[in-house]
PDBML (XML) file of the C-alpha atoms, coordinates in Angstrom:
<?xml version="1.0" encoding="UTF-8" ?>
<PDBx:datablock datablockName="MODEL"
   xmlns:PDBx="http://pdbml.pdb.org/schema/pdbx-v50.xsd"
   xmlns:xsi="http://www.w3.org/2001/XMLSchema-instance"
   xsi:schemaLocation="http://pdbml.pdb.org/schema/pdbx-v50.xsd pdbx-v50.xsd">
   <PDBx:atom_siteCategory>
      <PDBx:atom_site id="1">
         <PDBx:B_iso_or_equiv>0.00</PDBx:B_iso_or_equiv>
         <PDBx:Cartn_x>43.799</PDBx:Cartn_x>
         <PDBx:Cartn_y>44.792</PDBx:Cartn_y>
         <PDBx:Cartn_z>73.241</PDBx:Cartn_z>
         <PDBx:auth_asym_id>A</PDBx:auth_asym_id>
         <PDBx:auth_atom_id>CA</PDBx:auth_atom_id>
         <PDBx:auth_comp_id>VAL</PDBx:auth_comp_id>
         <PDBx:auth_seq_id>1</PDBx:auth_seq_id>
         <PDBx:group_PDB>ATOM</PDBx:group_PDB>
         <PDBx:label_alt_id xsi:nil="true" />
         <PDBx:label_asym_id>A</PDBx:label_asym_id>
         <PDBx:label_atom_id>CA</PDBx:label_atom_id>
         <PDBx:label_comp_id>VAL</PDBx:label_comp_id>
         <PDBx:label_entity_id>1</PDBx:label_entity_id>
         <PDBx:label_seq_id>1</PDBx:label_seq_id>
         <PDBx:occupancy>1.00</PDBx:occupancy>
         <PDBx:pdbx_PDB_model_num>1</PDBx:pdbx_PDB_model_num>
         <PDBx:type_symbol>C</PDBx:type_symbol>
      </PDBx:atom_site>
      <PDBx:atom_site id="2">
         <PDBx:B_iso_or_equiv>0.00</PDBx:B_iso_or_equiv>
         <PDBx:Cartn_x>45.491</PDBx:Cartn_x>
         <PDBx:Cartn_y>41.707</PDBx:Cartn_y>
         <PDBx:Cartn_z>73.020</PDBx:Cartn_z>
         <PDBx:auth_asym_id>A</PDBx:auth_asym_id>
         <PDBx:auth_atom_id>CA</PDBx:auth_atom_id>
         <PDBx:auth_comp_id>ILE</PDBx:auth_comp_id>
         <PDBx:auth_seq_id>2</PDBx:auth_seq_id>
         <PDBx:group_PDB>ATOM</PDBx:group_PDB>
         <PDBx:label_alt_id xsi:nil="true" />
         <PDBx:label_asym_id>A</PDBx:label_asym_id>
         <PDBx:label_atom_id>CA</PDBx:label_atom_id>
         <PDBx:label_comp_id>ILE</PDBx:label_comp_id>
         <PDBx:label_entity_id>1</PDBx:label_entity_id>
         <PDBx:label_seq_id>2</PDBx:label_seq_id>
         <PDBx:occupancy>1.00</PDBx:occupancy>
         <PDBx:pdbx_PDB_model_num>1</PDBx:pdbx_PDB_model_num>
         <PDBx:type_symbol>C</PDBx:type_symbol>
      </PDBx:atom_site>
      <PDBx:atom_site id="3">
         <PDBx:B_iso_or_equiv>0.00</PDBx:B_iso_or_equiv>
         <PDBx:Cartn_x>45.565</PDBx:Cartn_x>
         <PDBx:Cartn_y>41.219</PDBx:Cartn_y>
         <PDBx:Cartn_z>76.823</PDBx:Cartn_z>
         <PDBx:auth_asym_id>A</PDBx:auth_asym_id>
         <PDBx:auth_atom_id>CA</PDBx:auth_atom_id>
         <PDBx:auth_comp_id>GLY</PDBx:auth_comp_id>
         <PDBx:auth_seq_id>3</PDBx:auth_seq_id>
         <PDBx:group_PDB>ATOM</PDBx:group_PDB>
         <PDBx:label_alt_id xsi:nil="true" />
         <PDBx:label_asym_id>A</PDBx:label_asym_id>
         <PDBx:label_atom_id>CA</PDBx:label_atom_id>
         <PDBx:label_comp_id>GLY</PDBx:label_comp_id>
         <PDBx:label_entity_id>1</PDBx:label_entity_id>
         <PDBx:label_seq_id>3</PDBx:label_seq_id>
         <PDBx:occupancy>1.00</PDBx:occupancy>
         <PDBx:pdbx_PDB_model_num>1</PDBx:pdbx_PDB_model_num>
         <PDBx:type_symbol>C</PDBx:type_symbol>
      </PDBx:atom_site>
      <PDBx:atom_site id="4">
         <PDBx:B_iso_or_equiv>0.00</PDBx:B_iso_or_equiv>
         <PDBx:Cartn_x>41.996</PDBx:Cartn_x>
         <PDBx:Cartn_y>41.631</PDBx:Cartn_y>
         <PDBx:Cartn_z>76.776</PDBx:Cartn_z>
         <PDBx:auth_asym_id>A</PDBx:auth_asym_id>
         <PDBx:auth_atom_id>CA</PDBx:auth_atom_id>
         <PDBx:auth_comp_id>ARG</PDBx:auth_comp_id>
         <PDBx:auth_seq_id>4</PDBx:auth_seq_id>
         <PDBx:group_PDB>ATOM</PDBx:group_PDB>
         <PDBx:label_alt_id xsi:nil="true" />
         <PDBx:label_asym_id>A</PDBx:label_asym_id>
         <PDBx:label_atom_id>CA</PDBx:label_atom_id>
         <PDBx:label_comp_id>ARG</PDBx:label_comp_id>
         <PDBx:label_entity_id>1</PDBx:label_entity_id>
         <PDBx:label_seq_id>4</PDBx:label_seq_id>
         <PDBx:occupancy>1.00</PDBx:occupancy>
         <PDBx:pdbx_PDB_model_num>1</PDBx:pdbx_PDB_model_num>
         <PDBx:type_symbol>C</PDBx:type_symbol>
      </PDBx:atom_site>
      <PDBx:atom_site id="5">
         <PDBx:B_iso_or_equiv>0.00</PDBx:B_iso_or_equiv>
         <PDBx:Cartn_x>40.696</PDBx:Cartn_x>
         <PDBx:Cartn_y>39.393</PDBx:Cartn_y>
         <PDBx:Cartn_z>73.828</PDBx:Cartn_z>
         <PDBx:auth_asym_id>A</PDBx:auth_asym_id>
         <PDBx:auth_atom_id>CA</PDBx:auth_atom_id>
         <PDBx:auth_comp_id>TYR</PDBx:auth_comp_id>
         <PDBx:auth_seq_id>5</PDBx:auth_seq_id>
         <PDBx:group_PDB>ATOM</PDBx:group_PDB>
         <PDBx:label_alt_id xsi:nil="true" />
         <PDBx:label_asym_id>A</PDBx:label_asym_id>
         <PDBx:label_atom_id>CA</PDBx:label_atom_id>
         <PDBx:label_comp_id>TYR</PDBx:label_comp_id>
         <PDBx:label_entity_id>1</PDBx:label_entity_id>
         <PDBx:label_seq_id>5</PDBx:label_seq_id>
         <PDBx:occupancy>1.00</PDBx:occupancy>
         <PDBx:pdbx_PDB_model_num>1</PDBx:pdbx_PDB_model_num>
         <PDBx:type_symbol>C</PDBx:type_symbol>
      </PDBx:atom_site>
      <PDBx:atom_site id="6">
         <PDBx:B_iso_or_equiv>0.00</PDBx:B_iso_or_equiv>
         <PDBx:Cartn_x>43.586</PDBx:Cartn_x>
         <PDBx:Cartn_y>37.470</PDBx:Cartn_y>
         <PDBx:Cartn_z>72.567</PDBx:Cartn_z>
         <PDBx:auth_asym_id>A</PDBx:auth_asym_id>
         <PDBx:auth_atom_id>CA</PDBx:auth_atom_id>
         <PDBx:auth_comp_id>GLY</PDBx:auth_comp_id>
         <PDBx:auth_seq_id>6</PDBx:auth_seq_id>
         <PDBx:group_PDB>ATOM</PDBx:group_PDB>
         <PDBx:label_alt_id xsi:nil="true" />
         <PDBx:label_asym_id>A</PDBx:label_asym_id>
         <PDBx:label_atom_id>CA</PDBx:label_atom_id>
         <PDBx:label_comp_id>GLY</PDBx:label_comp_id>
         <PDBx:label_entity_id>1</PDBx:label_entity_id>
         <PDBx:label_seq_id>6</PDBx:label_seq_id>
         <PDBx:occupancy>1.00</PDBx:occupancy>
         <PDBx:pdbx_PDB_model_num>1</PDBx:pdbx_PDB_model_num>
         <PDBx:type_symbol>C</PDBx:type_symbol>
      </PDBx:atom_site>
      <PDBx:atom_site id="7">
         <PDBx:B_iso_or_equiv>0.00</PDBx:B_iso_or_equiv>
         <PDBx:Cartn_x>43.089</PDBx:Cartn_x>
         <PDBx:Cartn_y>37.867</PDBx:Cartn_y>
         <PDBx:Cartn_z>68.928</PDBx:Cartn_z>
         <PDBx:auth_asym_id>A</PDBx:auth_asym_id>
         <PDBx:auth_atom_id>CA</PDBx:auth_atom_id>
         <PDBx:auth_comp_id>ASP</PDBx:auth_comp_id>
         <PDBx:auth_seq_id>7</PDBx:auth_seq_id>
         <PDBx:group_PDB>ATOM</PDBx:group_PDB>
         <PDBx:label_alt_id xsi:nil="true" />
         <PDBx:label_asym_id>A</PDBx:label_asym_id>
         <PDBx:label_atom_id>CA</PDBx:label_atom_id>
         <PDBx:label_comp_id>ASP</PDBx:label_comp_id>
         <PDBx:label_entity_id>1</PDBx:label_entity_id>
         <PDBx:label_seq_id>7</PDBx:label_seq_id>
         <PDBx:occupancy>1.00</PDBx:occupancy>
         <PDBx:pdbx_PDB_model_num>1</PDBx:pdbx_PDB_model_num>
         <PDBx:type_symbol>C</PDBx:type_symbol>
      </PDBx:atom_site>
      <PDBx:atom_site id="8">
         <PDBx:B_iso_or_equiv>0.00</PDBx:B_iso_or_equiv>
         <PDBx:Cartn_x>40.223</PDBx:Cartn_x>
         <PDBx:Cartn_y>39.203</PDBx:Cartn_y>
         <PDBx:Cartn_z>66.552</PDBx:Cartn_z>
         <PDBx:auth_asym_id>A</PDBx:auth_asym_id>
         <PDBx:auth_atom_id>CA</PDBx:auth_atom_id>
         <PDBx:auth_comp_id>ALA</PDBx:auth_comp_id>
         <PDBx:auth_seq_id>8</PDBx:auth_seq_id>
         <PDBx:group_PDB>ATOM</PDBx:group_PDB>
         <PDBx:label_alt_id xsi:nil="true" />
         <PDBx:label_asym_id>A</PDBx:label_asym_id>
         <PDBx:label_atom_id>CA</PDBx:label_atom_id>
         <PDBx:label_comp_id>ALA</PDBx:label_comp_id>
         <PDBx:label_entity_id>1</PDBx:label_entity_id>
         <PDBx:label_seq_id>8</PDBx:label_seq_id>
         <PDBx:occupancy>1.00</PDBx:occupancy>
         <PDBx:pdbx_PDB_model_num>1</PDBx:pdbx_PDB_model_num>
         <PDBx:type_symbol>C</PDBx:type_symbol>
      </PDBx:atom_site>
      <PDBx:atom_site id="9">
         <PDBx:B_iso_or_equiv>0.00</PDBx:B_iso_or_equiv>
         <PDBx:Cartn_x>38.450</PDBx:Cartn_x>
         <PDBx:Cartn_y>36.341</PDBx:Cartn_y>
         <PDBx:Cartn_z>67.317</PDBx:Cartn_z>
         <PDBx:auth_asym_id>A</PDBx:auth_asym_id>
         <PDBx:auth_atom_id>CA</PDBx:auth_atom_id>
         <PDBx:auth_comp_id>ALA</PDBx:auth_comp_id>
         <PDBx:auth_seq_id>9</PDBx:auth_seq_id>
         <PDBx:group_PDB>ATOM</PDBx:group_PDB>
         <PDBx:label_alt_id xsi:nil="true" />
         <PDBx:label_asym_id>A</PDBx:label_asym_id>
         <PDBx:label_atom_id>CA</PDBx:label_atom_id>
         <PDBx:label_comp_id>ALA</PDBx:label_comp_id>
         <PDBx:label_entity_id>1</PDBx:label_entity_id>
         <PDBx:label_seq_id>9</PDBx:label_seq_id>
         <PDBx:occupancy>1.00</PDBx:occupancy>
         <PDBx:pdbx_PDB_model_num>1</PDBx:pdbx_PDB_model_num>
         <PDBx:type_symbol>C</PDBx:type_symbol>
      </PDBx:atom_site>
      <PDBx:atom_site id="10">
         <PDBx:B_iso_or_equiv>0.00</PDBx:B_iso_or_equiv>
         <PDBx:Cartn_x>37.900</PDBx:Cartn_x>
         <PDBx:Cartn_y>36.727</PDBx:Cartn_y>
         <PDBx:Cartn_z>70.954</PDBx:Cartn_z>
         <PDBx:auth_asym_id>A</PDBx:auth_asym_id>
         <PDBx:auth_atom_id>CA</PDBx:auth_atom_id>
         <PDBx:auth_comp_id>GLY</PDBx:auth_comp_id>
         <PDBx:auth_seq_id>10</PDBx:auth_seq_id>
         <PDBx:group_PDB>ATOM</PDBx:group_PDB>
         <PDBx:label_alt_id xsi:nil="true" />
         <PDBx:label_asym_id>A</PDBx:label_asym_id>
         <PDBx:label_atom_id>CA</PDBx:label_atom_id>
         <PDBx:label_comp_id>GLY</PDBx:label_comp_id>
         <PDBx:label_entity_id>1</PDBx:label_entity_id>
         <PDBx:label_seq_id>10</PDBx:label_seq_id>
         <PDBx:occupancy>1.00</PDBx:occupancy>
         <PDBx:pdbx_PDB_model_num>1</PDBx:pdbx_PDB_model_num>
         <PDBx:type_symbol>C</PDBx:type_symbol>
      </PDBx:atom_site>
      <PDBx:atom_site id="11">
         <PDBx:B_iso_or_equiv>0.00</PDBx:B_iso_or_equiv>
         <PDBx:Cartn_x>36.956</PDBx:Cartn_x>
         <PDBx:Cartn_y>40.346</PDBx:Cartn_y>
         <PDBx:Cartn_z>70.264</PDBx:Cartn_z>
         <PDBx:auth_asym_id>A</PDBx:auth_asym_id>
         <PDBx:auth_atom_id>CA</PDBx:auth_atom_id>
         <PDBx:auth_comp_id>TYR</PDBx:auth_comp_id>
         <PDBx:auth_seq_id>11</PDBx:auth_seq_id>
         <PDBx:group_PDB>ATOM</PDBx:group_PDB>
         <PDBx:label_alt_id xsi:nil="true" />
         <PDBx:label_asym_id>A</PDBx:label_asym_id>
         <PDBx:label_atom_id>CA</PDBx:label_atom_id>
         <PDBx:label_comp_id>TYR</PDBx:label_comp_id>
         <PDBx:label_entity_id>1</PDBx:label_entity_id>
         <PDBx:label_seq_id>11</PDBx:label_seq_id>
         <PDBx:occupancy>1.00</PDBx:occupancy>
         <PDBx:pdbx_PDB_model_num>1</PDBx:pdbx_PDB_model_num>
         <PDBx:type_symbol>C</PDBx:type_symbol>
      </PDBx:atom_site>
      <PDBx:atom_site id="12">
         <PDBx:B_iso_or_equiv>0.00</PDBx:B_iso_or_equiv>
         <PDBx:Cartn_x>34.261</PDBx:Cartn_x>
         <PDBx:Cartn_y>39.718</PDBx:Cartn_y>
         <PDBx:Cartn_z>68.560</PDBx:Cartn_z>
         <PDBx:auth_asym_id>A</PDBx:auth_asym_id>
         <PDBx:auth_atom_id>CA</PDBx:auth_atom_id>
         <PDBx:auth_comp_id>ILE</PDBx:auth_comp_id>
         <PDBx:auth_seq_id>12</PDBx:auth_seq_id>
         <PDBx:group_PDB>ATOM</PDBx:group_PDB>
         <PDBx:label_alt_id xsi:nil="true" />
         <PDBx:label_asym_id>A</PDBx:label_asym_id>
         <PDBx:label_atom_id>CA</PDBx:label_atom_id>
         <PDBx:label_comp_id>ILE</PDBx:label_comp_id>
         <PDBx:label_entity_id>1</PDBx:label_entity_id>
         <PDBx:label_seq_id>12</PDBx:label_seq_id>
         <PDBx:occupancy>1.00</PDBx:occupancy>
         <PDBx:pdbx_PDB_model_num>1</PDBx:pdbx_PDB_model_num>
         <PDBx:type_symbol>C</PDBx:type_symbol>
      </PDBx:atom_site>
      <PDBx:atom_site id="13">
         <PDBx:B_iso_or_equiv>0.00</PDBx:B_iso_or_equiv>
         <PDBx:Cartn_x>33.018</PDBx:Cartn_x>
         <PDBx:Cartn_y>36.972</PDBx:Cartn_y>
         <PDBx:Cartn_z>70.546</PDBx:Cartn_z>
         <PDBx:auth_asym_id>A</PDBx:auth_asym_id>
         <PDBx:auth_atom_id>CA</PDBx:auth_atom_id>
         <PDBx:auth_comp_id>ALA</PDBx:auth_comp_id>
         <PDBx:auth_seq_id>13</PDBx:auth_seq_id>
         <PDBx:group_PDB>ATOM</PDBx:group_PDB>
         <PDBx:label_alt_id xsi:nil="true" />
         <PDBx:label_asym_id>A</PDBx:label_asym_id>
         <PDBx:label_atom_id>CA</PDBx:label_atom_id>
         <PDBx:label_comp_id>ALA</PDBx:label_comp_id>
         <PDBx:label_entity_id>1</PDBx:label_entity_id>
         <PDBx:label_seq_id>13</PDBx:label_seq_id>
         <PDBx:occupancy>1.00</PDBx:occupancy>
         <PDBx:pdbx_PDB_model_num>1</PDBx:pdbx_PDB_model_num>
         <PDBx:type_symbol>C</PDBx:type_symbol>
      </PDBx:atom_site>
      <PDBx:atom_site id="14">
         <PDBx:B_iso_or_equiv>0.00</PDBx:B_iso_or_equiv>
         <PDBx:Cartn_x>32.822</PDBx:Cartn_x>
         <PDBx:Cartn_y>39.545</PDBx:Cartn_y>
         <PDBx:Cartn_z>73.216</PDBx:Cartn_z>
         <PDBx:auth_asym_id>A</PDBx:auth_asym_id>
         <PDBx:auth_atom_id>CA</PDBx:auth_atom_id>
         <PDBx:auth_comp_id>ALA</PDBx:auth_comp_id>
         <PDBx:auth_seq_id>14</PDBx:auth_seq_id>
         <PDBx:group_PDB>ATOM</PDBx:group_PDB>
         <PDBx:label_alt_id xsi:nil="true" />
         <PDBx:label_asym_id>A</PDBx:label_asym_id>
         <PDBx:label_atom_id>CA</PDBx:label_atom_id>
         <PDBx:label_comp_id>ALA</PDBx:label_comp_id>
         <PDBx:label_entity_id>1</PDBx:label_entity_id>
         <PDBx:label_seq_id>14</PDBx:label_seq_id>
         <PDBx:occupancy>1.00</PDBx:occupancy>
         <PDBx:pdbx_PDB_model_num>1</PDBx:pdbx_PDB_model_num>
         <PDBx:type_symbol>C</PDBx:type_symbol>
      </PDBx:atom_site>
      <PDBx:atom_site id="15">
         <PDBx:B_iso_or_equiv>0.00</PDBx:B_iso_or_equiv>
         <PDBx:Cartn_x>30.966</PDBx:Cartn_x>
         <PDBx:Cartn_y>41.972</PDBx:Cartn_y>
         <PDBx:Cartn_z>71.022</PDBx:Cartn_z>
         <PDBx:auth_asym_id>A</PDBx:auth_asym_id>
         <PDBx:auth_atom_id>CA</PDBx:auth_atom_id>
         <PDBx:auth_comp_id>ILE</PDBx:auth_comp_id>
         <PDBx:auth_seq_id>15</PDBx:auth_seq_id>
         <PDBx:group_PDB>ATOM</PDBx:group_PDB>
         <PDBx:label_alt_id xsi:nil="true" />
         <PDBx:label_asym_id>A</PDBx:label_asym_id>
         <PDBx:label_atom_id>CA</PDBx:label_atom_id>
         <PDBx:label_comp_id>ILE</PDBx:label_comp_id>
         <PDBx:label_entity_id>1</PDBx:label_entity_id>
         <PDBx:label_seq_id>15</PDBx:label_seq_id>
         <PDBx:occupancy>1.00</PDBx:occupancy>
         <PDBx:pdbx_PDB_model_num>1</PDBx:pdbx_PDB_model_num>
         <PDBx:type_symbol>C</PDBx:type_symbol>
      </PDBx:atom_site>
      <PDBx:atom_site id="16">
         <PDBx:B_iso_or_equiv>0.00</PDBx:B_iso_or_equiv>
         <PDBx:Cartn_x>28.397</PDBx:Cartn_x>
         <PDBx:Cartn_y>39.264</PDBx:Cartn_y>
         <PDBx:Cartn_z>70.487</PDBx:Cartn_z>
         <PDBx:auth_asym_id>A</PDBx:auth_asym_id>
         <PDBx:auth_atom_id>CA</PDBx:auth_atom_id>
         <PDBx:auth_comp_id>VAL</PDBx:auth_comp_id>
         <PDBx:auth_seq_id>16</PDBx:auth_seq_id>
         <PDBx:group_PDB>ATOM</PDBx:group_PDB>
         <PDBx:label_alt_id xsi:nil="true" />
         <PDBx:label_asym_id>A</PDBx:label_asym_id>
         <PDBx:label_atom_id>CA</PDBx:label_atom_id>
         <PDBx:label_comp_id>VAL</PDBx:label_comp_id>
         <PDBx:label_entity_id>1</PDBx:label_entity_id>
         <PDBx:label_seq_id>16</PDBx:label_seq_id>
         <PDBx:occupancy>1.00</PDBx:occupancy>
         <PDBx:pdbx_PDB_model_num>1</PDBx:pdbx_PDB_model_num>
         <PDBx:type_symbol>C</PDBx:type_symbol>
      </PDBx:atom_site>
      <PDBx:atom_site id="17">
         <PDBx:B_iso_or_equiv>0.00</PDBx:B_iso_or_equiv>
         <PDBx:Cartn_x>27.898</PDBx:Cartn_x>
         <PDBx:Cartn_y>38.390</PDBx:Cartn_y>
         <PDBx:Cartn_z>74.178</PDBx:Cartn_z>
         <PDBx:auth_asym_id>A</PDBx:auth_asym_id>
         <PDBx:auth_atom_id>CA</PDBx:auth_atom_id>
         <PDBx:auth_comp_id>LYS</PDBx:auth_comp_id>
         <PDBx:auth_seq_id>17</PDBx:auth_seq_id>
         <PDBx:group_PDB>ATOM</PDBx:group_PDB>
         <PDBx:label_alt_id xsi:nil="true" />
         <PDBx:label_asym_id>A</PDBx:label_asym_id>
         <PDBx:label_atom_id>CA</PDBx:label_atom_id>
         <PDBx:label_comp_id>LYS</PDBx:label_comp_id>
         <PDBx:label_entity_id>1</PDBx:label_entity_id>
         <PDBx:label_seq_id>17</PDBx:label_seq_id>
         <PDBx:occupancy>1.00</PDBx:occupancy>
         <PDBx:pdbx_PDB_model_num>1</PDBx:pdbx_PDB_model_num>
         <PDBx:type_symbol>C</PDBx:type_symbol>
      </PDBx:atom_site>
      <PDBx:atom_site id="18">
         <PDBx:B_iso_or_equiv>0.00</PDBx:B_iso_or_equiv>
         <PDBx:Cartn_x>27.487</PDBx:Cartn_x>
         <PDBx:Cartn_y>42.129</PDBx:Cartn_y>
         <PDBx:Cartn_z>74.601</PDBx:Cartn_z>
         <PDBx:auth_asym_id>A</PDBx:auth_asym_id>
         <PDBx:auth_atom_id>CA</PDBx:auth_atom_id>
         <PDBx:auth_comp_id>ALA</PDBx:auth_comp_id>
         <PDBx:auth_seq_id>18</PDBx:auth_seq_id>
         <PDBx:group_PDB>ATOM</PDBx:group_PDB>
         <PDBx:label_alt_id xsi:nil="true" />
         <PDBx:label_asym_id>A</PDBx:label_asym_id>
         <PDBx:label_atom_id>CA</PDBx:label_atom_id>
         <PDBx:label_comp_id>ALA</PDBx:label_comp_id>
         <PDBx:label_entity_id>1</PDBx:label_entity_id>
         <PDBx:label_seq_id>18</PDBx:label_seq_id>
         <PDBx:occupancy>1.00</PDBx:occupancy>
         <PDBx:pdbx_PDB_model_num>1</PDBx:pdbx_PDB_model_num>
         <PDBx:type_symbol>C</PDBx:type_symbol>
      </PDBx:atom_site>
      <PDBx:atom_site id="19">
         <PDBx:B_iso_or_equiv>0.00</PDBx:B_iso_or_equiv>
         <PDBx:Cartn_x>24.543</PDBx:Cartn_x>
         <PDBx:Cartn_y>42.401</PDBx:Cartn_y>
         <PDBx:Cartn_z>72.156</PDBx:Cartn_z>
         <PDBx:auth_asym_id>A</PDBx:auth_asym_id>
         <PDBx:auth_atom_id>CA</PDBx:auth_atom_id>
         <PDBx:auth_comp_id>ALA</PDBx:auth_comp_id>
         <PDBx:auth_seq_id>19</PDBx:auth_seq_id>
         <PDBx:group_PDB>ATOM</PDBx:group_PDB>
         <PDBx:label_alt_id xsi:nil="true" />
         <PDBx:label_asym_id>A</PDBx:label_asym_id>
         <PDBx:label_atom_id>CA</PDBx:label_atom_id>
         <PDBx:label_comp_id>ALA</PDBx:label_comp_id>
         <PDBx:label_entity_id>1</PDBx:label_entity_id>
         <PDBx:label_seq_id>19</PDBx:label_seq_id>
         <PDBx:occupancy>1.00</PDBx:occupancy>
         <PDBx:pdbx_PDB_model_num>1</PDBx:pdbx_PDB_model_num>
         <PDBx:type_symbol>C</PDBx:type_symbol>
      </PDBx:atom_site>
      <PDBx:atom_site id="20">
         <PDBx:B_iso_or_equiv>0.00</PDBx:B_iso_or_equiv>
         <PDBx:Cartn_x>22.783</PDBx:Cartn_x>
         <PDBx:Cartn_y>39.111</PDBx:Cartn_y>
         <PDBx:Cartn_z>73.072</PDBx:Cartn_z>
         <PDBx:auth_asym_id>A</PDBx:auth_asym_id>
         <PDBx:auth_atom_id>CA</PDBx:auth_atom_id>
         <PDBx:auth_comp_id>ARG</PDBx:auth_comp_id>
         <PDBx:auth_seq_id>20</PDBx:auth_seq_id>
         <PDBx:group_PDB>ATOM</PDBx:group_PDB>
         <PDBx:label_alt_id xsi:nil="true" />
         <PDBx:label_asym_id>A</PDBx:label_asym_id>
         <PDBx:label_atom_id>CA</PDBx:label_atom_id>
         <PDBx:label_comp_id>ARG</PDBx:label_comp_id>
         <PDBx:label_entity_id>1</PDBx:label_entity_id>
         <PDBx:label_seq_id>20</PDBx:label_seq_id>
         <PDBx:occupancy>1.00</PDBx:occupancy>
         <PDBx:pdbx_PDB_model_num>1</PDBx:pdbx_PDB_model_num>
         <PDBx:type_symbol>C</PDBx:type_symbol>
      </PDBx:atom_site>
      <PDBx:atom_site id="21">
         <PDBx:B_iso_or_equiv>0.00</PDBx:B_iso_or_equiv>
         <PDBx:Cartn_x>22.525</PDBx:Cartn_x>
         <PDBx:Cartn_y>40.540</PDBx:Cartn_y>
         <PDBx:Cartn_z>76.566</PDBx:Cartn_z>
         <PDBx:auth_asym_id>A</PDBx:auth_asym_id>
         <PDBx:auth_atom_id>CA</PDBx:auth_atom_id>
         <PDBx:auth_comp_id>ARG</PDBx:auth_comp_id>
         <PDBx:auth_seq_id>21</PDBx:auth_seq_id>
         <PDBx:group_PDB>ATOM</PDBx:group_PDB>
         <PDBx:label_alt_id xsi:nil="true" />
         <PDBx:label_asym_id>A</PDBx:label_asym_id>
         <PDBx:label_atom_id>CA</PDBx:label_atom_id>
         <PDBx:label_comp_id>ARG</PDBx:label_comp_id>
         <PDBx:label_entity_id>1</PDBx:label_entity_id>
         <PDBx:label_seq_id>21</PDBx:label_seq_id>
         <PDBx:occupancy>1.00</PDBx:occupancy>
         <PDBx:pdbx_PDB_model_num>1</PDBx:pdbx_PDB_model_num>
         <PDBx:type_symbol>C</PDBx:type_symbol>
      </PDBx:atom_site>
      <PDBx:atom_site id="22">
         <PDBx:B_iso_or_equiv>0.00</PDBx:B_iso_or_equiv>
         <PDBx:Cartn_x>20.773</PDBx:Cartn_x>
         <PDBx:Cartn_y>43.979</PDBx:Cartn_y>
         <PDBx:Cartn_z>75.140</PDBx:Cartn_z>
         <PDBx:auth_asym_id>A</PDBx:auth_asym_id>
         <PDBx:auth_atom_id>CA</PDBx:auth_atom_id>
         <PDBx:auth_comp_id>LEU</PDBx:auth_comp_id>
         <PDBx:auth_seq_id>22</PDBx:auth_seq_id>
         <PDBx:group_PDB>ATOM</PDBx:group_PDB>
         <PDBx:label_alt_id xsi:nil="true" />
         <PDBx:label_asym_id>A</PDBx:label_asym_id>
         <PDBx:label_atom_id>CA</PDBx:label_atom_id>
         <PDBx:label_comp_id>LEU</PDBx:label_comp_id>
         <PDBx:label_entity_id>1</PDBx:label_entity_id>
         <PDBx:label_seq_id>22</PDBx:label_seq_id>
         <PDBx:occupancy>1.00</PDBx:occupancy>
         <PDBx:pdbx_PDB_model_num>1</PDBx:pdbx_PDB_model_num>
         <PDBx:type_symbol>C</PDBx:type_symbol>
      </PDBx:atom_site>
      <PDBx:atom_site id="23">
         <PDBx:B_iso_or_equiv>0.00</PDBx:B_iso_or_equiv>
         <PDBx:Cartn_x>18.822</PDBx:Cartn_x>
         <PDBx:Cartn_y>41.909</PDBx:Cartn_y>
         <PDBx:Cartn_z>73.593</PDBx:Cartn_z>
         <PDBx:auth_asym_id>A</PDBx:auth_asym_id>
         <PDBx:auth_atom_id>CA</PDBx:auth_atom_id>
         <PDBx:auth_comp_id>VAL</PDBx:auth_comp_id>
         <PDBx:auth_seq_id>23</PDBx:auth_seq_id>
         <PDBx:group_PDB>ATOM</PDBx:group_PDB>
         <PDBx:label_alt_id xsi:nil="true" />
         <PDBx:label_asym_id>A</PDBx:label_asym_id>
         <PDBx:label_atom_id>CA</PDBx:label_atom_id>
         <PDBx:label_comp_id>VAL</PDBx:label_comp_id>
         <PDBx:label_entity_id>1</PDBx:label_entity_id>
         <PDBx:label_seq_id>23</PDBx:label_seq_id>
         <PDBx:occupancy>1.00</PDBx:occupancy>
         <PDBx:pdbx_PDB_model_num>1</PDBx:pdbx_PDB_model_num>
         <PDBx:type_symbol>C</PDBx:type_symbol>
      </PDBx:atom_site>
      <PDBx:atom_site id="24">
         <PDBx:B_iso_or_equiv>0.00</PDBx:B_iso_or_equiv>
         <PDBx:Cartn_x>17.612</PDBx:Cartn_x>
         <PDBx:Cartn_y>39.778</PDBx:Cartn_y>
         <PDBx:Cartn_z>76.486</PDBx:Cartn_z>
         <PDBx:auth_asym_id>A</PDBx:auth_asym_id>
         <PDBx:auth_atom_id>CA</PDBx:auth_atom_id>
         <PDBx:auth_comp_id>ALA</PDBx:auth_comp_id>
         <PDBx:auth_seq_id>24</PDBx:auth_seq_id>
         <PDBx:group_PDB>ATOM</PDBx:group_PDB>
         <PDBx:label_alt_id xsi:nil="true" />
         <PDBx:label_asym_id>A</PDBx:label_asym_id>
         <PDBx:label_atom_id>CA</PDBx:label_atom_id>
         <PDBx:label_comp_id>ALA</PDBx:label_comp_id>
         <PDBx:label_entity_id>1</PDBx:label_entity_id>
         <PDBx:label_seq_id>24</PDBx:label_seq_id>
         <PDBx:occupancy>1.00</PDBx:occupancy>
         <PDBx:pdbx_PDB_model_num>1</PDBx:pdbx_PDB_model_num>
         <PDBx:type_symbol>C</PDBx:type_symbol>
      </PDBx:atom_site>
      <PDBx:atom_site id="25">
         <PDBx:B_iso_or_equiv>0.00</PDBx:B_iso_or_equiv>
         <PDBx:Cartn_x>17.146</PDBx:Cartn_x>
         <PDBx:Cartn_y>43.619</PDBx:Cartn_y>
         <PDBx:Cartn_z>77.956</PDBx:Cartn_z>
         <PDBx:auth_asym_id>A</PDBx:auth_asym_id>
         <PDBx:auth_atom_id>CA</PDBx:auth_atom_id>
         <PDBx:auth_comp_id>ASP</PDBx:auth_comp_id>
         <PDBx:auth_seq_id>25</PDBx:auth_seq_id>
         <PDBx:group_PDB>ATOM</PDBx:group_PDB>
         <PDBx:label_alt_id xsi:nil="true" />
         <PDBx:label_asym_id>A</PDBx:label_asym_id>
         <PDBx:label_atom_id>CA</PDBx:label_atom_id>
         <PDBx:label_comp_id>ASP</PDBx:label_comp_id>
         <PDBx:label_entity_id>1</PDBx:label_entity_id>
         <PDBx:label_seq_id>25</PDBx:label_seq_id>
         <PDBx:occupancy>1.00</PDBx:occupancy>
         <PDBx:pdbx_PDB_model_num>1</PDBx:pdbx_PDB_model_num>
         <PDBx:type_symbol>C</PDBx:type_symbol>
      </PDBx:atom_site>
   </PDBx:atom_siteCategory>
</PDBx:datablock>
């Protein structure tokens, strides 16, 4: 998990980015 996101803020940013892609689609 840490290797992927670094910290909790990095995980939230990845989730939000993914959600925005879904909205755009």
